[in-house]
Protein backbone atom coordinates (compact mmCIF):
# COMPACT_ATOMS: atom_id res chain seq x y z
CA UNK A 1 -3.47 -11.47 -10.01
CA UNK A 2 -4.90 -8.21 -11.05
CA UNK A 3 -4.07 -4.89 -9.36
CA UNK A 4 -6.38 -1.94 -9.46
CA UNK A 5 -5.05 1.41 -8.22
CA UNK A 6 -7.47 3.76 -6.37
CA UNK A 7 -6.74 7.38 -5.26
CA UNK A 8 -3.84 7.87 -2.96
CA UNK A 9 -2.75 4.77 -1.11
CA UNK A 10 -5.63 2.37 -1.71
CA UNK A 11 -5.11 -0.75 -3.81
CA UNK A 12 -7.31 -3.72 -4.78
CA UNK A 13 -5.83 -7.16 -5.59
CA UNK A 14 -8.03 -9.75 -7.22
CA UNK A 15 -7.24 -13.40 -7.64
CA UNK A 16 -9.63 -16.17 -8.66
CA UNK A 17 -12.68 -14.02 -7.88
CA UNK A 18 -11.48 -13.06 -4.42
CA UNK A 19 -10.47 -9.54 -3.34
CA UNK A 20 -7.91 -7.99 -1.05
CA UNK A 21 -7.99 -4.26 -0.25
CA UNK A 22 -4.98 -2.34 1.06
CA UNK A 23 -5.21 1.12 2.81
CA UNK A 24 -8.74 2.41 1.89
CA UNK A 25 -8.50 5.82 3.40
CA UNK A 26 -9.97 9.26 3.49
CA UNK A 27 -8.40 10.43 0.21
CA UNK A 28 -9.92 7.51 -1.69
CA UNK A 29 -13.43 7.61 -3.15
CA UNK A 30 -15.94 5.42 -1.24
CA UNK A 31 -15.42 1.72 -1.86
CA UNK A 32 -18.60 0.49 -3.67
CA UNK A 33 -17.81 -2.97 -4.98
CA UNK A 34 -16.46 -5.04 -2.14
CA UNK A 35 -18.26 -8.37 -2.60
CA UNK A 36 -16.02 -11.42 -2.21
CA UNK A 37 -13.45 -9.55 -0.17
CA UNK A 38 -11.37 -11.92 2.01
CA UNK A 39 -9.09 -9.40 3.66
CA UNK A 40 -8.13 -5.79 4.19
CA UNK A 41 -4.60 -4.68 5.08
CA UNK A 42 -4.21 -1.39 6.87
CA UNK A 43 -0.49 -0.49 7.03
CA UNK A 44 -0.86 2.17 9.73
CA UNK A 45 -3.37 4.28 11.65
CA UNK A 46 -3.32 7.56 9.74
CA UNK A 47 -6.72 8.43 8.26
CA UNK A 48 -5.48 8.80 4.70
CA UNK A 49 -4.90 4.97 4.87
CA UNK A 50 -8.13 3.87 6.57
CA UNK A 51 -11.42 5.27 7.87
CA UNK A 52 -14.25 3.57 9.79
CA UNK A 53 -16.57 4.38 6.95
CA UNK A 54 -14.41 2.64 4.35
CA UNK A 55 -14.04 -0.48 6.50
CA UNK A 56 -17.78 -0.59 7.14
CA UNK A 57 -18.48 -0.45 3.44
CA UNK A 58 -16.21 -3.39 2.81
CA UNK A 59 -17.53 -5.35 5.76
CA UNK A 60 -21.14 -4.66 4.81
CA UNK A 61 -20.49 -6.37 1.49
CA UNK A 62 -18.19 -9.06 2.87
CA UNK A 63 -18.83 -9.63 6.58
CA UNK A 64 -16.24 -12.38 6.94
CA UNK A 65 -13.35 -10.30 5.60
CA UNK A 66 -10.37 -10.23 7.97
CA UNK A 67 -8.62 -6.95 8.77
CA UNK A 68 -4.88 -7.03 9.31
CA UNK A 69 -2.82 -4.23 10.80
CA UNK A 70 -0.01 -3.45 13.25
CA UNK A 71 -0.62 -2.69 16.94
CA UNK A 72 -1.35 0.98 16.25
CA UNK A 73 -4.15 0.03 13.92
CA UNK A 74 -5.50 -2.47 16.46
CA UNK A 75 -5.76 0.36 18.96
CA UNK A 76 -7.03 3.04 16.60
CA UNK A 77 -9.63 0.82 15.00
CA UNK A 78 -10.88 -0.61 18.26
CA UNK A 79 -14.47 -0.82 16.97
CA UNK A 80 -13.36 -3.43 14.55
CA UNK A 81 -11.88 -6.94 14.94
CA UNK A 82 -8.34 -6.32 13.66
CA UNK A 83 -5.83 -9.14 13.56
CA UNK A 84 -2.40 -7.83 14.67
CA UNK A 85 0.53 -8.41 12.36
CA UNK A 86 4.17 -7.55 12.94
CA UNK A 87 7.30 -7.49 10.75
CA UNK A 88 8.25 -11.08 10.00
CA UNK A 89 4.71 -12.39 10.16
CA UNK A 90 3.13 -14.30 7.32
CA UNK A 91 -0.63 -14.95 6.78
CA UNK A 92 -2.49 -17.16 4.32
CA UNK A 93 -6.06 -16.10 3.56
CA UNK A 94 -8.21 -17.06 0.55
CA UNK A 95 -6.09 -16.69 -2.59
CA UNK A 96 -3.50 -14.49 -0.90
CA UNK A 97 -0.23 -14.97 0.90
CA UNK A 98 0.77 -11.90 2.92
CA UNK A 99 4.28 -11.26 4.27
CA UNK A 100 4.95 -8.27 6.50
CA UNK A 101 8.03 -6.09 6.79
CA UNK A 102 9.29 -2.84 8.25
CA UNK A 103 7.72 -1.86 11.54
CA UNK A 104 7.85 1.99 11.80
CA UNK A 105 6.41 4.90 9.93
CA UNK A 106 8.93 7.28 8.30
CA UNK A 107 9.69 10.40 10.34
CA UNK A 108 7.40 13.28 9.42
CA UNK A 109 8.80 15.87 11.93
CA UNK A 110 10.53 15.75 15.27
CA UNK A 111 7.33 17.11 16.84
CA UNK A 112 5.22 14.20 15.55
CA UNK A 113 5.45 10.77 17.18
CA UNK A 114 6.67 7.89 15.01
CA UNK A 115 3.94 5.22 14.78
CA UNK A 116 3.63 1.56 13.79
CA UNK A 117 3.67 0.79 10.09
CA UNK A 118 4.00 -2.46 8.21
CA UNK A 119 4.87 -3.11 4.60
CA UNK A 120 3.13 -6.00 2.83
CA UNK A 121 4.23 -8.39 0.16
CA UNK A 122 1.31 -10.04 -1.61
CA UNK A 123 1.70 -13.44 -3.31
CA UNK A 124 5.42 -12.70 -3.67
CA UNK A 125 4.50 -10.28 -6.48
CA UNK A 126 3.42 -6.87 -5.13
CA UNK A 127 5.26 -5.01 -2.41
CA UNK A 128 3.87 -1.89 -0.75
CA UNK A 129 5.71 -0.44 2.22
CA UNK A 130 3.01 1.83 3.56
CA UNK A 131 4.48 5.10 4.75
CA UNK A 132 8.09 3.97 4.82
CA UNK A 133 11.03 3.06 2.66
CA UNK A 134 11.33 -0.35 4.27
CA UNK A 135 13.12 -2.78 1.91
CA UNK A 136 11.93 -6.42 2.08
CA UNK A 137 15.24 -8.15 2.75
CA UNK A 138 15.91 -11.30 0.79
CA UNK A 139 13.09 -10.58 -1.69
CA UNK A 140 13.40 -9.76 -5.38
CA UNK A 141 10.48 -7.45 -5.80
CA UNK A 142 8.41 -8.00 -8.92
CA UNK A 143 6.07 -4.98 -8.65
CA UNK A 144 6.67 -2.00 -6.31
CA UNK A 145 4.19 0.60 -5.18
CA UNK A 146 6.52 3.65 -5.11
CA UNK A 147 5.53 6.70 -3.03
CA UNK A 148 5.11 9.79 -5.18
CA UNK A 149 4.55 12.56 -2.59
CA UNK A 150 4.10 12.94 1.18
CA UNK A 151 5.05 15.15 4.11
CA UNK A 152 7.38 12.37 5.30
CA UNK A 153 9.49 12.21 2.09
CA UNK A 154 11.51 13.98 -0.53
CA UNK A 155 11.27 12.79 -4.13
CA UNK A 156 14.99 12.09 -4.11
CA UNK A 157 14.44 9.60 -1.25
CA UNK A 158 11.78 7.74 -3.23
CA UNK A 159 14.06 7.62 -6.21
CA UNK A 160 16.87 6.16 -4.10
CA UNK A 161 14.39 3.64 -2.69
CA UNK A 162 13.43 2.49 -6.18
CA UNK A 163 17.09 2.32 -7.15
CA UNK A 164 17.77 0.11 -4.05
CA UNK A 165 14.80 -2.21 -4.57
CA UNK A 166 15.29 -2.68 -8.33
CA UNK A 167 11.77 -3.89 -9.08
CA UNK A 168 10.76 -5.43 -12.38
CA UNK A 169 7.83 -3.00 -12.42
CA UNK A 170 6.85 0.03 -10.42
CA UNK A 171 3.90 2.43 -10.20
CA UNK A 172 3.10 5.54 -8.13
CA UNK A 173 1.14 5.60 -4.90
CA UNK A 174 0.45 8.18 -2.18
CA UNK A 175 0.01 10.91 -4.82
CA UNK A 176 -3.12 12.83 -3.79
CA UNK A 177 -1.10 15.43 -1.97
CA UNK A 178 0.39 16.49 -5.40
CA UNK A 179 -0.83 18.82 -8.11
CA UNK A 180 -1.03 17.58 -11.71
CA UNK A 181 2.36 19.12 -12.35
CA UNK A 182 3.75 17.44 -9.25
CA UNK A 183 2.43 14.05 -10.28
CA UNK A 184 3.95 14.43 -13.73
CA UNK A 185 7.35 15.34 -12.15
CA UNK A 186 7.17 12.36 -9.80
CA UNK A 187 6.35 9.99 -12.58
CA UNK A 188 9.25 11.24 -14.65
CA UNK A 189 11.74 10.84 -11.84
CA UNK A 190 10.40 7.49 -10.50
CA UNK A 191 10.23 6.22 -14.04
CA UNK A 192 13.90 7.06 -14.52
CA UNK A 193 14.86 5.28 -11.32
CA UNK A 194 12.93 2.19 -12.27
CA UNK A 195 14.61 1.87 -15.66
CA UNK A 196 18.03 2.10 -14.05
CA UNK A 197 17.49 -1.30 -12.56
CA UNK A 198 16.08 -2.71 -15.81
CA UNK A 199 12.46 -2.33 -14.74
CA UNK A 200 9.37 -0.84 -16.37
CA UNK A 201 7.38 2.06 -14.88
CA UNK A 202 3.62 2.30 -15.13
CA UNK A 203 2.19 5.80 -14.36
CA UNK A 204 -1.12 4.38 -13.15
CA UNK A 205 -4.09 6.70 -12.54
CA UNK A 206 -7.01 5.90 -10.23
CA UNK A 207 -9.06 3.13 -11.80
CA UNK A 208 -6.18 1.81 -13.92
CA UNK A 209 -5.31 -1.91 -13.67
CA UNK A 210 -2.16 -3.99 -14.06
CA UNK A 211 -1.97 -7.75 -14.38
CA UNK A 212 0.78 -9.17 -12.24
């Protein structure tokens, strides 16, 4: 399975010619090559993780693609046919097995409501928790998408998260809120945390790929 990182939170997984997109949002350049997409996972309703325009681009290229998301996404994306998923659910679609974890977005501020959020494990290889530090219990994570910067986190929290998960590999996500200097700092710290568990860190930039 091949992973391609896009800007911010968007990821593309490809297996045997089929595609799975995760969180194509407002901070991601327009998706232009979405033929043979079987599914889209939207972890939560915030616009940096999905937009109607991004979903329409994907569906225009692959009309049969299934959109998965928690209840908050079902409600927010009511113009689309979204299949609701909850923590503990598992879905098989095309070349992909999806297992869902977590349930709630990390707290941003006491004045901002906490919303639905699901983490997703793809083919028992890639784990991405959306906007949370949800650990997939009972899973030895092969490759972890580690949050690099967000209004809901401190870098120390992300480092502790990587230390707890102990992935074999990790790479940064959710980085478009950072300057170049901030990205470099996050990569240095997250890289350190990954190596403490014996893993390898890949400071992927948008457009970079990694074979899982």
